Amino acid sequence: MPTVLVTGCNRGIGLQLCQQYSARGDDVIAVVRSSSAELEALPVRIVSGIDVGDGASMPLLKDAVGEQRIDILLNNAGILVGDNLQDLDYAAMELQFRVNTLGPLRVTKTLLPNLGKGSRVAIVSSRVGSIEDNGTGGNYGYRVSKAAVNMVGANLKHDLAPLGIAIALLHPGLVATDMTGGSGISAAESAKGLINRIDDLNNENSGGFWHAEGYTLPW
């Protein structure tokens, strides 16, 4: 039974990822800052009290996982604080960088001993982190944090390749969650697409930036 670890999964896309992975029989470890009734209703193992934006909780994560092999590490936890040039909040920008950029790197580094040949790592990024695709501006903090995590993933491609570990950067689509004000596709539909992309991930296509629908995105 494959083991899947998902961060940021007490609601939205992360909750759906846990639901769909557990429904197909995978062993799911749900990593959250705080749990929810919806998450606790699923047949998953919950590790709470983990803030991916703060390295202080990483020893707790490592202790909770122990020596268990992780077949899929899905870095989903993220935060969006809207802004524009006239209303910049630098503290909020730094928070988004800590969670959206450093968080996936921190979690992947912490759990690297649990990954092995054939393991797959996914980072939920966003197409708004694409420099070439930026046609509107705005959302400085979120855009910058996602562009930066794309570089994290590009670097990890090279460092994980000798270990036989593949990585993908994934855009979930415009999803109707609290982050988007309820606009977009369902979290269930997005999660299904993300899972399909991860199922297709291998050492040959490692390091790509993919839309959940299956096509590549520009950097």
N, C-alpha and C. Protein backbone atom coordinates (compact mmCIF):
# COMPACT_ATOMS: atom_id res chain seq x y z
N MET A 1 0.84 -1.19 0.00
CA MET A 1 0.00 0.00 0.00
C MET A 1 0.88 1.25 0.00
N PRO A 2 0.80 2.08 -1.04
CA PRO A 2 1.61 3.30 -1.09
C PRO A 2 1.25 4.26 0.05
N THR A 3 2.26 4.99 0.53
CA THR A 3 2.04 5.99 1.56
C THR A 3 2.13 7.37 0.94
N VAL A 4 1.10 8.18 1.17
CA VAL A 4 1.02 9.54 0.64
C VAL A 4 0.97 10.51 1.81
N LEU A 5 1.86 11.50 1.81
CA LEU A 5 1.83 12.54 2.83
C LEU A 5 1.41 13.85 2.18
N VAL A 6 0.38 14.47 2.72
CA VAL A 6 -0.17 15.71 2.18
C VAL A 6 -0.11 16.78 3.26
N THR A 7 0.39 17.97 2.92
CA THR A 7 0.38 19.09 3.86
C THR A 7 -0.80 20.02 3.54
N GLY A 8 -1.25 20.72 4.58
CA GLY A 8 -2.31 21.71 4.37
C GLY A 8 -3.61 21.10 3.91
N CYS A 9 -4.20 20.21 4.72
CA CYS A 9 -5.31 19.41 4.19
C CYS A 9 -6.52 19.35 5.12
N ASN A 10 -6.75 20.38 5.89
CA ASN A 10 -7.95 20.37 6.74
C ASN A 10 -9.19 20.88 6.00
N ARG A 11 -8.99 21.39 4.75
CA ARG A 11 -10.10 21.88 3.95
C ARG A 11 -9.65 21.99 2.49
N GLY A 12 -10.59 22.36 1.62
CA GLY A 12 -10.25 22.69 0.24
C GLY A 12 -9.59 21.56 -0.53
N ILE A 13 -8.60 21.93 -1.35
CA ILE A 13 -7.93 20.97 -2.21
C ILE A 13 -7.25 19.88 -1.39
N GLY A 14 -6.58 20.28 -0.32
CA GLY A 14 -5.86 19.30 0.50
C GLY A 14 -6.78 18.25 1.08
N LEU A 15 -7.94 18.67 1.55
CA LEU A 15 -8.91 17.73 2.09
C LEU A 15 -9.37 16.75 1.02
N GLN A 16 -9.61 17.26 -0.19
CA GLN A 16 -10.02 16.41 -1.29
C GLN A 16 -8.91 15.44 -1.71
N LEU A 17 -7.67 15.91 -1.67
CA LEU A 17 -6.56 15.01 -1.97
C LEU A 17 -6.52 13.84 -0.99
N CYS A 18 -6.70 14.13 0.28
CA CYS A 18 -6.71 13.07 1.29
C CYS A 18 -7.89 12.12 1.06
N GLN A 19 -9.04 12.69 0.75
CA GLN A 19 -10.23 11.87 0.53
C GLN A 19 -10.03 10.93 -0.65
N GLN A 20 -9.52 11.47 -1.76
CA GLN A 20 -9.40 10.66 -2.97
C GLN A 20 -8.27 9.64 -2.87
N TYR A 21 -7.17 10.01 -2.25
CA TYR A 21 -6.10 9.04 -2.08
C TYR A 21 -6.54 7.90 -1.14
N SER A 22 -7.21 8.26 -0.04
CA SER A 22 -7.63 7.22 0.89
C SER A 22 -8.71 6.34 0.27
N ALA A 23 -9.58 6.94 -0.58
CA ALA A 23 -10.64 6.17 -1.21
C ALA A 23 -10.10 5.11 -2.16
N ARG A 24 -8.94 5.36 -2.73
CA ARG A 24 -8.38 4.35 -3.65
C ARG A 24 -7.47 3.36 -2.93
N GLY A 25 -7.37 3.49 -1.60
CA GLY A 25 -6.67 2.50 -0.81
C GLY A 25 -5.28 2.86 -0.37
N ASP A 26 -4.85 4.09 -0.63
CA ASP A 26 -3.52 4.52 -0.20
C ASP A 26 -3.51 4.83 1.29
N ASP A 27 -2.35 4.69 1.89
CA ASP A 27 -2.14 5.05 3.29
C ASP A 27 -1.81 6.54 3.32
N VAL A 28 -2.65 7.35 3.93
CA VAL A 28 -2.52 8.80 3.88
C VAL A 28 -2.11 9.37 5.23
N ILE A 29 -1.07 10.21 5.20
CA ILE A 29 -0.66 10.98 6.37
C ILE A 29 -1.03 12.44 6.10
N ALA A 30 -1.95 12.97 6.88
CA ALA A 30 -2.45 14.33 6.69
C ALA A 30 -1.74 15.26 7.68
N VAL A 31 -0.98 16.20 7.17
CA VAL A 31 -0.19 17.10 8.00
C VAL A 31 -0.83 18.48 8.00
N VAL A 32 -1.17 18.98 9.18
CA VAL A 32 -1.92 20.24 9.30
C VAL A 32 -1.44 21.03 10.51
N ARG A 33 -1.73 22.34 10.46
CA ARG A 33 -1.55 23.15 11.68
C ARG A 33 -2.63 22.78 12.69
N SER A 34 -3.86 22.71 12.23
CA SER A 34 -4.97 22.29 13.08
C SER A 34 -5.94 21.48 12.24
N SER A 35 -6.53 20.47 12.83
CA SER A 35 -7.39 19.55 12.11
C SER A 35 -8.79 20.15 11.93
N SER A 36 -9.66 19.37 11.32
CA SER A 36 -11.05 19.77 11.11
C SER A 36 -11.92 18.54 11.23
N ALA A 37 -13.21 18.76 11.46
CA ALA A 37 -14.13 17.63 11.57
C ALA A 37 -14.17 16.84 10.27
N GLU A 38 -14.09 17.55 9.13
CA GLU A 38 -14.13 16.87 7.84
C GLU A 38 -12.91 15.97 7.65
N LEU A 39 -11.76 16.45 8.06
CA LEU A 39 -10.55 15.64 7.94
C LEU A 39 -10.59 14.45 8.89
N GLU A 40 -11.07 14.67 10.09
CA GLU A 40 -11.11 13.60 11.08
C GLU A 40 -12.11 12.51 10.72
N ALA A 41 -13.02 12.82 9.80
CA ALA A 41 -13.98 11.81 9.35
C ALA A 41 -13.37 10.86 8.32
N LEU A 42 -12.19 11.18 7.82
CA LEU A 42 -11.54 10.35 6.81
C LEU A 42 -10.66 9.29 7.47
N PRO A 43 -10.44 8.15 6.78
CA PRO A 43 -9.56 7.11 7.31
C PRO A 43 -8.09 7.43 7.04
N VAL A 44 -7.61 8.52 7.64
CA VAL A 44 -6.23 8.95 7.43
C VAL A 44 -5.56 9.17 8.78
N ARG A 45 -4.25 9.18 8.77
CA ARG A 45 -3.49 9.49 9.98
C ARG A 45 -3.21 10.98 10.00
N ILE A 46 -3.58 11.66 11.05
CA ILE A 46 -3.45 13.11 11.13
C ILE A 46 -2.27 13.49 12.02
N VAL A 47 -1.42 14.36 11.48
CA VAL A 47 -0.31 14.93 12.27
C VAL A 47 -0.59 16.42 12.35
N SER A 48 -1.03 16.88 13.50
CA SER A 48 -1.39 18.28 13.67
C SER A 48 -0.29 19.05 14.38
N GLY A 49 -0.44 20.36 14.40
CA GLY A 49 0.55 21.21 15.06
C GLY A 49 1.76 21.50 14.21
N ILE A 50 1.66 21.28 12.90
CA ILE A 50 2.79 21.48 12.00
C ILE A 50 2.57 22.75 11.18
N ASP A 51 3.44 23.73 11.35
CA ASP A 51 3.43 24.96 10.57
C ASP A 51 4.60 24.91 9.61
N VAL A 52 4.32 24.72 8.32
CA VAL A 52 5.41 24.57 7.35
C VAL A 52 6.21 25.85 7.18
N GLY A 53 5.64 26.98 7.62
CA GLY A 53 6.34 28.24 7.53
C GLY A 53 7.29 28.50 8.67
N ASP A 54 7.40 27.54 9.59
CA ASP A 54 8.23 27.70 10.78
C ASP A 54 9.02 26.42 11.00
N GLY A 55 10.32 26.52 10.94
CA GLY A 55 11.16 25.33 11.08
C GLY A 55 11.08 24.68 12.45
N ALA A 56 10.53 25.39 13.44
CA ALA A 56 10.49 24.84 14.79
C ALA A 56 9.64 23.58 14.89
N SER A 57 8.66 23.41 13.99
CA SER A 57 7.80 22.23 14.08
C SER A 57 8.29 21.06 13.23
N MET A 58 9.39 21.24 12.52
CA MET A 58 9.89 20.15 11.68
C MET A 58 10.36 18.94 12.47
N PRO A 59 11.02 19.10 13.64
CA PRO A 59 11.35 17.90 14.42
C PRO A 59 10.12 17.10 14.83
N LEU A 60 9.03 17.79 15.12
CA LEU A 60 7.78 17.10 15.46
C LEU A 60 7.27 16.31 14.27
N LEU A 61 7.36 16.89 13.08
CA LEU A 61 6.94 16.17 11.87
C LEU A 61 7.79 14.94 11.66
N LYS A 62 9.09 15.10 11.78
CA LYS A 62 10.00 13.97 11.58
C LYS A 62 9.73 12.86 12.59
N ASP A 63 9.53 13.23 13.84
CA ASP A 63 9.25 12.23 14.87
C ASP A 63 7.94 11.51 14.59
N ALA A 64 6.93 12.24 14.09
CA ALA A 64 5.63 11.63 13.83
C ALA A 64 5.70 10.64 12.68
N VAL A 65 6.49 10.94 11.67
CA VAL A 65 6.61 10.05 10.52
C VAL A 65 7.55 8.88 10.82
N GLY A 66 8.55 9.13 11.63
CA GLY A 66 9.50 8.09 12.00
C GLY A 66 10.29 7.59 10.80
N GLU A 67 10.39 6.29 10.66
CA GLU A 67 11.17 5.70 9.57
C GLU A 67 10.29 5.27 8.39
N GLN A 68 9.02 5.60 8.43
CA GLN A 68 8.10 5.14 7.39
C GLN A 68 8.47 5.72 6.02
N ARG A 69 8.50 4.87 5.04
CA ARG A 69 8.77 5.33 3.68
C ARG A 69 7.58 6.13 3.16
N ILE A 70 7.88 7.19 2.43
CA ILE A 70 6.86 8.01 1.79
C ILE A 70 7.00 7.84 0.28
N ASP A 71 5.94 7.40 -0.34
CA ASP A 71 5.95 7.19 -1.78
C ASP A 71 5.58 8.47 -2.54
N ILE A 72 4.66 9.24 -1.98
CA ILE A 72 4.26 10.52 -2.58
C ILE A 72 4.27 11.58 -1.49
N LEU A 73 5.06 12.61 -1.68
CA LEU A 73 5.08 13.76 -0.78
C LEU A 73 4.44 14.92 -1.52
N LEU A 74 3.31 15.38 -1.02
CA LEU A 74 2.52 16.39 -1.71
C LEU A 74 2.48 17.67 -0.88
N ASN A 75 3.31 18.62 -1.29
CA ASN A 75 3.41 19.91 -0.60
C ASN A 75 2.28 20.82 -1.08
N ASN A 76 1.19 20.83 -0.33
CA ASN A 76 -0.01 21.57 -0.72
C ASN A 76 -0.23 22.83 0.10
N ALA A 77 0.28 22.89 1.31
CA ALA A 77 0.01 24.02 2.20
C ALA A 77 0.43 25.33 1.55
N GLY A 78 -0.44 26.32 1.65
CA GLY A 78 -0.13 27.62 1.05
C GLY A 78 -1.02 28.70 1.62
N ILE A 79 -0.64 29.95 1.34
CA ILE A 79 -1.39 31.10 1.83
C ILE A 79 -1.39 32.19 0.77
N LEU A 80 -2.49 32.89 0.62
CA LEU A 80 -2.60 34.01 -0.30
C LEU A 80 -3.10 35.23 0.46
N VAL A 81 -2.32 36.31 0.37
CA VAL A 81 -2.73 37.61 0.91
C VAL A 81 -2.69 38.59 -0.25
N GLY A 82 -3.86 39.03 -0.71
CA GLY A 82 -3.91 39.90 -1.87
C GLY A 82 -3.29 41.26 -1.61
N ASP A 83 -2.66 41.83 -2.64
CA ASP A 83 -2.09 43.17 -2.52
C ASP A 83 -1.96 43.78 -3.91
N ASN A 84 -1.57 45.04 -3.96
CA ASN A 84 -1.25 45.73 -5.20
C ASN A 84 -0.20 46.79 -4.90
N LEU A 85 0.26 47.47 -5.92
CA LEU A 85 1.36 48.42 -5.74
C LEU A 85 1.01 49.54 -4.78
N GLN A 86 -0.25 49.92 -4.71
CA GLN A 86 -0.67 50.99 -3.82
C GLN A 86 -0.91 50.51 -2.39
N ASP A 87 -0.97 49.22 -2.20
CA ASP A 87 -1.30 48.66 -0.88
C ASP A 87 -0.44 47.44 -0.61
N LEU A 88 0.85 47.69 -0.39
CA LEU A 88 1.78 46.60 -0.14
C LEU A 88 1.98 46.40 1.36
N ASP A 89 1.95 45.14 1.76
CA ASP A 89 2.19 44.76 3.15
C ASP A 89 3.40 43.84 3.14
N TYR A 90 4.56 44.39 3.47
CA TYR A 90 5.79 43.60 3.36
C TYR A 90 5.84 42.46 4.35
N ALA A 91 5.22 42.63 5.51
CA ALA A 91 5.17 41.53 6.46
C ALA A 91 4.36 40.36 5.90
N ALA A 92 3.25 40.69 5.22
CA ALA A 92 2.44 39.65 4.60
C ALA A 92 3.19 38.98 3.46
N MET A 93 3.99 39.75 2.72
CA MET A 93 4.80 39.17 1.66
C MET A 93 5.81 38.18 2.23
N GLU A 94 6.44 38.56 3.34
CA GLU A 94 7.41 37.66 3.97
C GLU A 94 6.74 36.39 4.48
N LEU A 95 5.53 36.53 5.02
CA LEU A 95 4.80 35.35 5.49
C LEU A 95 4.52 34.40 4.34
N GLN A 96 4.08 34.94 3.21
CA GLN A 96 3.80 34.10 2.05
C GLN A 96 5.07 33.42 1.55
N PHE A 97 6.18 34.11 1.60
CA PHE A 97 7.45 33.50 1.20
C PHE A 97 7.81 32.36 2.13
N ARG A 98 7.61 32.57 3.44
CA ARG A 98 7.95 31.51 4.40
C ARG A 98 7.10 30.26 4.19
N VAL A 99 5.80 30.48 3.92
CA VAL A 99 4.89 29.34 3.78
C VAL A 99 4.95 28.74 2.38
N ASN A 100 4.82 29.58 1.36
CA ASN A 100 4.67 29.08 -0.01
C ASN A 100 5.98 28.65 -0.65
N THR A 101 7.08 29.29 -0.26
CA THR A 101 8.37 28.99 -0.89
C THR A 101 9.25 28.12 -0.01
N LEU A 102 9.49 28.59 1.21
CA LEU A 102 10.36 27.83 2.10
C LEU A 102 9.67 26.60 2.67
N GLY A 103 8.34 26.65 2.80
CA GLY A 103 7.62 25.52 3.36
C GLY A 103 7.85 24.21 2.61
N PRO A 104 7.61 24.17 1.29
CA PRO A 104 7.86 22.92 0.55
C PRO A 104 9.31 22.46 0.62
N LEU A 105 10.25 23.41 0.59
CA LEU A 105 11.66 23.05 0.69
C LEU A 105 11.96 22.48 2.07
N ARG A 106 11.42 23.12 3.08
CA ARG A 106 11.66 22.69 4.46
C ARG A 106 11.10 21.29 4.71
N VAL A 107 9.88 21.05 4.25
CA VAL A 107 9.26 19.74 4.45
C VAL A 107 9.99 18.66 3.66
N THR A 108 10.34 18.96 2.42
CA THR A 108 11.04 17.98 1.59
C THR A 108 12.40 17.63 2.19
N LYS A 109 13.13 18.64 2.66
CA LYS A 109 14.43 18.38 3.29
C LYS A 109 14.27 17.55 4.56
N THR A 110 13.27 17.89 5.36
CA THR A 110 13.04 17.17 6.62
C THR A 110 12.73 15.70 6.37
N LEU A 111 11.94 15.43 5.34
CA LEU A 111 11.48 14.06 5.08
C LEU A 111 12.31 13.34 4.01
N LEU A 112 13.42 13.95 3.60
CA LEU A 112 14.25 13.32 2.58
C LEU A 112 14.68 11.90 2.96
N PRO A 113 15.02 11.63 4.23
CA PRO A 113 15.37 10.25 4.60
C PRO A 113 14.23 9.25 4.41
N ASN A 114 13.01 9.74 4.34
CA ASN A 114 11.85 8.86 4.17
C ASN A 114 11.52 8.61 2.70
N LEU A 115 12.17 9.37 1.82
CA LEU A 115 11.97 9.18 0.38
C LEU A 115 13.03 8.24 -0.16
N GLY A 116 12.72 7.58 -1.24
CA GLY A 116 13.67 6.66 -1.84
C GLY A 116 13.42 6.52 -3.33
N LYS A 117 14.15 5.62 -3.95
CA LYS A 117 14.00 5.41 -5.38
C LYS A 117 12.55 5.10 -5.72
N GLY A 118 12.01 5.86 -6.65
CA GLY A 118 10.63 5.69 -7.05
C GLY A 118 9.65 6.60 -6.33
N SER A 119 10.11 7.29 -5.29
CA SER A 119 9.24 8.26 -4.63
C SER A 119 8.99 9.45 -5.55
N ARG A 120 7.90 10.13 -5.30
CA ARG A 120 7.55 11.31 -6.09
C ARG A 120 7.22 12.47 -5.15
N VAL A 121 7.68 13.66 -5.53
CA VAL A 121 7.44 14.87 -4.76
C VAL A 121 6.65 15.83 -5.63
N ALA A 122 5.58 16.39 -5.10
CA ALA A 122 4.79 17.38 -5.83
C ALA A 122 4.71 18.64 -5.00
N ILE A 123 4.81 19.78 -5.68
CA ILE A 123 4.63 21.08 -5.05
C ILE A 123 3.45 21.76 -5.74
N VAL A 124 2.44 22.11 -4.98
CA VAL A 124 1.31 22.85 -5.55
C VAL A 124 1.75 24.31 -5.66
N SER A 125 2.06 24.70 -6.88
CA SER A 125 2.48 26.06 -7.19
C SER A 125 1.26 26.80 -7.74
N SER A 126 1.47 27.71 -8.67
CA SER A 126 0.37 28.43 -9.32
C SER A 126 0.88 29.05 -10.59
N ARG A 127 0.02 29.12 -11.60
CA ARG A 127 0.43 29.75 -12.85
C ARG A 127 0.67 31.25 -12.67
N VAL A 128 0.18 31.84 -11.57
CA VAL A 128 0.47 33.26 -11.34
C VAL A 128 1.94 33.46 -10.97
N GLY A 129 2.65 32.38 -10.71
CA GLY A 129 4.09 32.46 -10.49
C GLY A 129 4.88 32.43 -11.78
N SER A 130 4.19 32.28 -12.91
CA SER A 130 4.86 32.28 -14.21
C SER A 130 5.16 33.71 -14.63
N ILE A 131 6.42 34.01 -14.92
CA ILE A 131 6.81 35.34 -15.37
C ILE A 131 6.26 35.59 -16.77
N GLU A 132 6.37 34.61 -17.64
CA GLU A 132 5.91 34.77 -19.02
C GLU A 132 4.40 34.91 -19.10
N ASP A 133 3.68 34.30 -18.17
CA ASP A 133 2.22 34.27 -18.23
C ASP A 133 1.58 35.44 -17.49
N ASN A 134 2.40 36.31 -16.90
CA ASN A 134 1.86 37.42 -16.10
C ASN A 134 1.32 38.50 -17.02
N GLY A 135 -0.01 38.59 -17.09
CA GLY A 135 -0.62 39.59 -17.96
C GLY A 135 -1.42 40.63 -17.22
N THR A 136 -1.40 40.60 -15.88
CA THR A 136 -2.25 41.53 -15.12
C THR A 136 -1.52 42.28 -14.02
N GLY A 137 -0.43 41.74 -13.49
CA GLY A 137 0.22 42.37 -12.34
C GLY A 137 -0.56 42.10 -11.06
N GLY A 138 -0.24 42.85 -10.01
CA GLY A 138 -0.91 42.68 -8.73
C GLY A 138 -0.47 41.43 -7.99
N ASN A 139 -0.98 41.27 -6.77
CA ASN A 139 -0.66 40.11 -5.93
C ASN A 139 0.85 39.87 -5.87
N TYR A 140 1.57 40.92 -5.52
CA TYR A 140 3.03 40.84 -5.49
C TYR A 140 3.54 39.72 -4.61
N GLY A 141 3.05 39.67 -3.38
CA GLY A 141 3.56 38.66 -2.45
C GLY A 141 3.30 37.24 -2.92
N TYR A 142 2.09 36.98 -3.38
CA TYR A 142 1.74 35.63 -3.81
C TYR A 142 2.49 35.24 -5.07
N ARG A 143 2.51 36.16 -6.04
CA ARG A 143 3.22 35.86 -7.29
C ARG A 143 4.70 35.58 -7.05
N VAL A 144 5.33 36.42 -6.26
CA VAL A 144 6.76 36.25 -5.99
C VAL A 144 7.03 34.94 -5.27
N SER A 145 6.18 34.60 -4.29
CA SER A 145 6.40 33.36 -3.54
C SER A 145 6.25 32.14 -4.43
N LYS A 146 5.33 32.19 -5.40
CA LYS A 146 5.13 31.04 -6.28
C LYS A 146 6.21 30.98 -7.36
N ALA A 147 6.66 32.13 -7.85
CA ALA A 147 7.78 32.11 -8.79
C ALA A 147 9.01 31.53 -8.12
N ALA A 148 9.21 31.89 -6.85
CA ALA A 148 10.38 31.39 -6.12
C ALA A 148 10.30 29.90 -5.85
N VAL A 149 9.09 29.40 -5.53
CA VAL A 149 8.98 27.96 -5.28
C VAL A 149 9.17 27.17 -6.57
N ASN A 150 8.87 27.78 -7.72
CA ASN A 150 9.17 27.11 -8.98
C ASN A 150 10.68 26.87 -9.12
N MET A 151 11.48 27.84 -8.68
CA MET A 151 12.93 27.65 -8.71
C MET A 151 13.36 26.59 -7.69
N VAL A 152 12.69 26.56 -6.55
CA VAL A 152 12.97 25.49 -5.59
C VAL A 152 12.77 24.13 -6.24
N GLY A 153 11.65 23.98 -6.94
CA GLY A 153 11.38 22.71 -7.60
C GLY A 153 12.37 22.39 -8.70
N ALA A 154 12.78 23.43 -9.46
CA ALA A 154 13.77 23.22 -10.52
C ALA A 154 15.10 22.76 -9.93
N ASN A 155 15.46 23.32 -8.80
CA ASN A 155 16.69 22.89 -8.13
C ASN A 155 16.56 21.46 -7.62
N LEU A 156 15.43 21.16 -6.99
CA LEU A 156 15.22 19.82 -6.44
C LEU A 156 15.27 18.75 -7.53
N LYS A 157 14.83 19.10 -8.73
CA LYS A 157 14.91 18.14 -9.83
C LYS A 157 16.32 17.58 -9.94
N HIS A 158 17.31 18.47 -9.91
CA HIS A 158 18.70 18.05 -10.08
C HIS A 158 19.22 17.31 -8.85
N ASP A 159 18.87 17.78 -7.67
CA ASP A 159 19.39 17.16 -6.46
C ASP A 159 18.74 15.82 -6.14
N LEU A 160 17.49 15.64 -6.57
CA LEU A 160 16.79 14.39 -6.28
C LEU A 160 16.98 13.33 -7.36
N ALA A 161 17.40 13.75 -8.55
CA ALA A 161 17.55 12.80 -9.66
C ALA A 161 18.49 11.64 -9.34
N PRO A 162 19.66 11.90 -8.72
CA PRO A 162 20.55 10.77 -8.42
C PRO A 162 19.95 9.77 -7.43
N LEU A 163 18.92 10.20 -6.70
CA LEU A 163 18.26 9.33 -5.74
C LEU A 163 17.08 8.59 -6.34
N GLY A 164 16.79 8.87 -7.62
CA GLY A 164 15.67 8.22 -8.28
C GLY A 164 14.33 8.79 -7.85
N ILE A 165 14.32 10.05 -7.40
CA ILE A 165 13.10 10.70 -6.93
C ILE A 165 12.69 11.77 -7.95
N ALA A 166 11.44 11.74 -8.39
CA ALA A 166 10.93 12.69 -9.37
C ALA A 166 10.13 13.78 -8.67
N ILE A 167 10.09 14.97 -9.31
CA ILE A 167 9.38 16.10 -8.73
C ILE A 167 8.57 16.82 -9.79
N ALA A 168 7.42 17.37 -9.41
CA ALA A 168 6.60 18.14 -10.32
C ALA A 168 6.09 19.39 -9.61
N LEU A 169 5.99 20.48 -10.36
CA LEU A 169 5.35 21.71 -9.91
C LEU A 169 3.99 21.76 -10.57
N LEU A 170 2.94 21.91 -9.78
CA LEU A 170 1.58 21.74 -10.29
C LEU A 170 0.70 22.95 -10.00
N HIS A 171 0.00 23.39 -11.04
CA HIS A 171 -1.01 24.43 -10.88
C HIS A 171 -2.36 23.75 -10.76
N PRO A 172 -3.11 24.00 -9.68
CA PRO A 172 -4.37 23.27 -9.46
C PRO A 172 -5.54 23.78 -10.26
N GLY A 173 -5.36 24.88 -11.01
CA GLY A 173 -6.48 25.52 -11.67
C GLY A 173 -7.08 26.58 -10.75
N LEU A 174 -8.03 27.32 -11.28
CA LEU A 174 -8.76 28.28 -10.45
C LEU A 174 -9.83 27.49 -9.70
N VAL A 175 -9.62 27.36 -8.40
CA VAL A 175 -10.45 26.46 -7.60
C VAL A 175 -11.31 27.26 -6.64
N ALA A 176 -12.54 26.86 -6.49
CA ALA A 176 -13.48 27.54 -5.60
C ALA A 176 -13.17 27.20 -4.15
N THR A 177 -12.27 27.97 -3.56
CA THR A 177 -11.90 27.81 -2.16
C THR A 177 -11.95 29.17 -1.48
N ASP A 178 -11.63 29.18 -0.18
CA ASP A 178 -11.58 30.45 0.55
C ASP A 178 -10.54 31.38 -0.06
N MET A 179 -9.46 30.83 -0.62
CA MET A 179 -8.39 31.64 -1.18
C MET A 179 -8.84 32.40 -2.42
N THR A 180 -9.82 31.86 -3.14
CA THR A 180 -10.27 32.50 -4.39
C THR A 180 -11.63 33.17 -4.25
N GLY A 181 -12.16 33.20 -3.04
CA GLY A 181 -13.47 33.80 -2.84
C GLY A 181 -14.60 32.97 -3.39
N GLY A 182 -14.36 31.67 -3.56
CA GLY A 182 -15.41 30.78 -4.03
C GLY A 182 -15.57 30.70 -5.53
N SER A 183 -14.65 31.30 -6.29
CA SER A 183 -14.73 31.27 -7.76
C SER A 183 -13.90 30.14 -8.32
N GLY A 184 -14.43 29.43 -9.33
CA GLY A 184 -13.65 28.42 -10.02
C GLY A 184 -14.26 27.04 -9.96
N ILE A 185 -13.45 26.04 -10.32
CA ILE A 185 -13.88 24.66 -10.33
C ILE A 185 -13.93 24.12 -8.91
N SER A 186 -14.51 22.96 -8.74
CA SER A 186 -14.59 22.36 -7.41
C SER A 186 -13.23 21.85 -6.96
N ALA A 187 -13.04 21.81 -5.65
CA ALA A 187 -11.80 21.26 -5.10
C ALA A 187 -11.64 19.79 -5.47
N ALA A 188 -12.77 19.08 -5.57
CA ALA A 188 -12.72 17.66 -5.94
C ALA A 188 -12.18 17.48 -7.35
N GLU A 189 -12.64 18.32 -8.28
CA GLU A 189 -12.16 18.23 -9.66
C GLU A 189 -10.68 18.57 -9.75
N SER A 190 -10.27 19.60 -9.04
CA SER A 190 -8.86 19.98 -9.03
C SER A 190 -7.99 18.86 -8.47
N ALA A 191 -8.40 18.30 -7.34
CA ALA A 191 -7.62 17.23 -6.71
C ALA A 191 -7.48 16.03 -7.64
N LYS A 192 -8.56 15.70 -8.36
CA LYS A 192 -8.49 14.59 -9.31
C LYS A 192 -7.43 14.85 -10.38
N GLY A 193 -7.39 16.07 -10.91
CA GLY A 193 -6.38 16.41 -11.90
C GLY A 193 -4.98 16.35 -11.34
N LEU A 194 -4.79 16.86 -10.13
CA LEU A 194 -3.46 16.81 -9.50
C LEU A 194 -2.99 15.37 -9.31
N ILE A 195 -3.89 14.52 -8.86
CA ILE A 195 -3.54 13.12 -8.65
C ILE A 195 -3.17 12.46 -9.97
N ASN A 196 -3.88 12.78 -11.04
CA ASN A 196 -3.54 12.23 -12.35
C ASN A 196 -2.14 12.64 -12.78
N ARG A 197 -1.80 13.90 -12.54
CA ARG A 197 -0.47 14.38 -12.92
C ARG A 197 0.61 13.67 -12.12
N ILE A 198 0.36 13.47 -10.85
CA ILE A 198 1.35 12.81 -10.00
C ILE A 198 1.48 11.34 -10.39
N ASP A 199 0.38 10.71 -10.75
CA ASP A 199 0.44 9.32 -11.22
C ASP A 199 1.31 9.20 -12.47
N ASP A 200 1.31 10.24 -13.30
CA ASP A 200 2.09 10.23 -14.55
C ASP A 200 3.54 10.65 -14.35
N LEU A 201 3.89 11.09 -13.15
CA LEU A 201 5.23 11.63 -12.90
C LEU A 201 6.26 10.51 -12.84
N ASN A 202 7.38 10.72 -13.52
CA ASN A 202 8.48 9.75 -13.49
C ASN A 202 9.80 10.49 -13.66
N ASN A 203 10.89 9.76 -13.66
CA ASN A 203 12.20 10.39 -13.74
C ASN A 203 12.44 11.08 -15.08
N GLU A 204 11.74 10.65 -16.12
CA GLU A 204 11.93 11.24 -17.44
C GLU A 204 11.26 12.61 -17.55
N ASN A 205 10.10 12.80 -16.92
CA ASN A 205 9.43 14.11 -17.01
C ASN A 205 9.55 14.93 -15.74
N SER A 206 10.44 14.53 -14.87
CA SER A 206 10.65 15.24 -13.60
C SER A 206 11.06 16.68 -13.84
N GLY A 207 10.58 17.57 -12.97
CA GLY A 207 10.97 18.96 -13.03
C GLY A 207 10.07 19.85 -13.84
N GLY A 208 8.96 19.32 -14.37
CA GLY A 208 8.07 20.12 -15.19
C GLY A 208 7.11 20.96 -14.37
N PHE A 209 6.54 21.97 -15.04
CA PHE A 209 5.54 22.86 -14.46
C PHE A 209 4.25 22.58 -15.21
N TRP A 210 3.29 21.96 -14.52
CA TRP A 210 2.12 21.40 -15.18
C TRP A 210 0.82 22.01 -14.64
N HIS A 211 -0.12 22.20 -15.54
CA HIS A 211 -1.50 22.48 -15.15
C HIS A 211 -2.14 21.16 -14.74
N ALA A 212 -3.05 21.20 -13.80
CA ALA A 212 -3.74 19.98 -13.36
C ALA A 212 -4.46 19.29 -14.51
N GLU A 213 -4.80 20.06 -15.55
CA GLU A 213 -5.49 19.47 -16.69
C GLU A 213 -4.57 18.69 -17.62
N GLY A 214 -3.24 18.82 -17.41
CA GLY A 214 -2.32 17.97 -18.15
C GLY A 214 -1.38 18.64 -19.09
N TYR A 215 -1.46 19.96 -19.28
CA TYR A 215 -0.55 20.62 -20.19
C TYR A 215 0.50 21.41 -19.42
N THR A 216 1.65 21.62 -20.09
CA THR A 216 2.74 22.34 -19.43
C THR A 216 2.49 23.83 -19.43
N LEU A 217 3.06 24.50 -18.45
CA LEU A 217 2.94 25.95 -18.31
C LEU A 217 4.30 26.60 -18.52
N PRO A 218 4.31 27.84 -19.00
CA PRO A 218 5.59 28.54 -19.19
C PRO A 218 6.16 29.01 -17.87
N TRP A 219 7.47 29.08 -17.81
CA TRP A 219 8.11 29.56 -16.59
C TRP A 219 8.00 31.08 -16.47
